Amino acid sequence: MNNSDADWTFGGAWPYEPKWFDTPQGRLHYIDEGPRVGIPIVFVHGNPTWAYLYRRFIKAVTGWDFRAIAMDHLGFGRSDKPTPADVYSISLHADRCEALLESLDLENATLVVQDWGGPIGLTWAARHPERVSGLFVLNTFFQRPVGEVPLPAILKAFRTPIVGALLVKGAHAFVKGFLFRAGLNDPSRLTETDKAAYLAPHPTWSSRSGILAFPRQIPSGPKGPISDFVAAEGANLEAAFAGKPVKIVWPMKDVAFSAETLDGMWLKAFPHAEVKRVENAGHFIQEDAPETVIPELMDFIGRTHKSSEGPK
């Protein structure tokens, strides 16, 4: 099954009209649902997922007449999947995200980010804080690491030359091993339809270059291009949102981002942030605990935009 002949509705689980945005490196897919005059809620995914990760969230916010926007990074979902690794640098991902969101001319947006969606999506907020009224942060990073970054054994394997390519591009282990198993507290939460939706974007070796590029860019410590990037953009975000609403919802069983990232980095950068710790959720908190995260998001949006009237 390839991009052209897949049933991208997945039996109605993803009933959204595809939209497209051209960039110098390839075409991006995104969805834009709900009334154009509604308060925009922007969802940014990480690796190896796509906008499908937020399917329940999109349904929830559009049910309250908010506007939901969710993009697929280059190399993910229905977006183009170039083979060269250099098109998947974090700075280029961030630039493409910024260009797409700027094309929509959004105002008073709430930004929802997780995993690599943090450095990518929060860059837009840091560069255009006048467009964003609040940040809803799931497990991610946007600050320079203070020391050596401990990595799970599986992520170390993905970073290894040759072996990493065989695992990620050959065996599709990032999806089948991490997304379907190690990254979840309760793997049974994923249905067969969900698994099909996550497998559909990357049917071949060559289509998985974007998945492999992400773990190879994880900073190993305070020095390096990604550490420098998040430090610079993160400082701008910290200054711009010191007086704006920030909510952090953190899975306590994440094998990639520990509680130290929350306490030692996020809460130092945003001491005024509200925090919800979710005990029984792993890395993909949107799959493990939607019944917890979605009400937290709706409450946050409702308090940030007090004029919202509620469900129709």
Foldseek 3Di string as FASTA:
>chain_A
DALPPDPLCLVVLNPFDWDWDDDPVWIKIKGKDFDLPAAEEEEEEAPPAAQSLCSVLCVVQNLLRHIYMGIGFALHQNIDFAQDLVCQDLVNSLVVLLVVVVVSVAAQYEYEAAASSCSRVLLNCLVCVRRYQEYEYEHYAQAQAAFFADAPPVLVQLLDPPSVLCCCLNVVCCCVPCVQPVQWLDSVLQDPSNSCSSCHHRVHSSSRSNNSSVSNPDDRHRDDDSNVSSNVSVVSSLVSCQPGAYEYEYECAENRGHVCSVVVPVCVSHVPYHYHYDDRTYRSNSSHPVVPSSVVVVVSVCVSPVVRDGGD
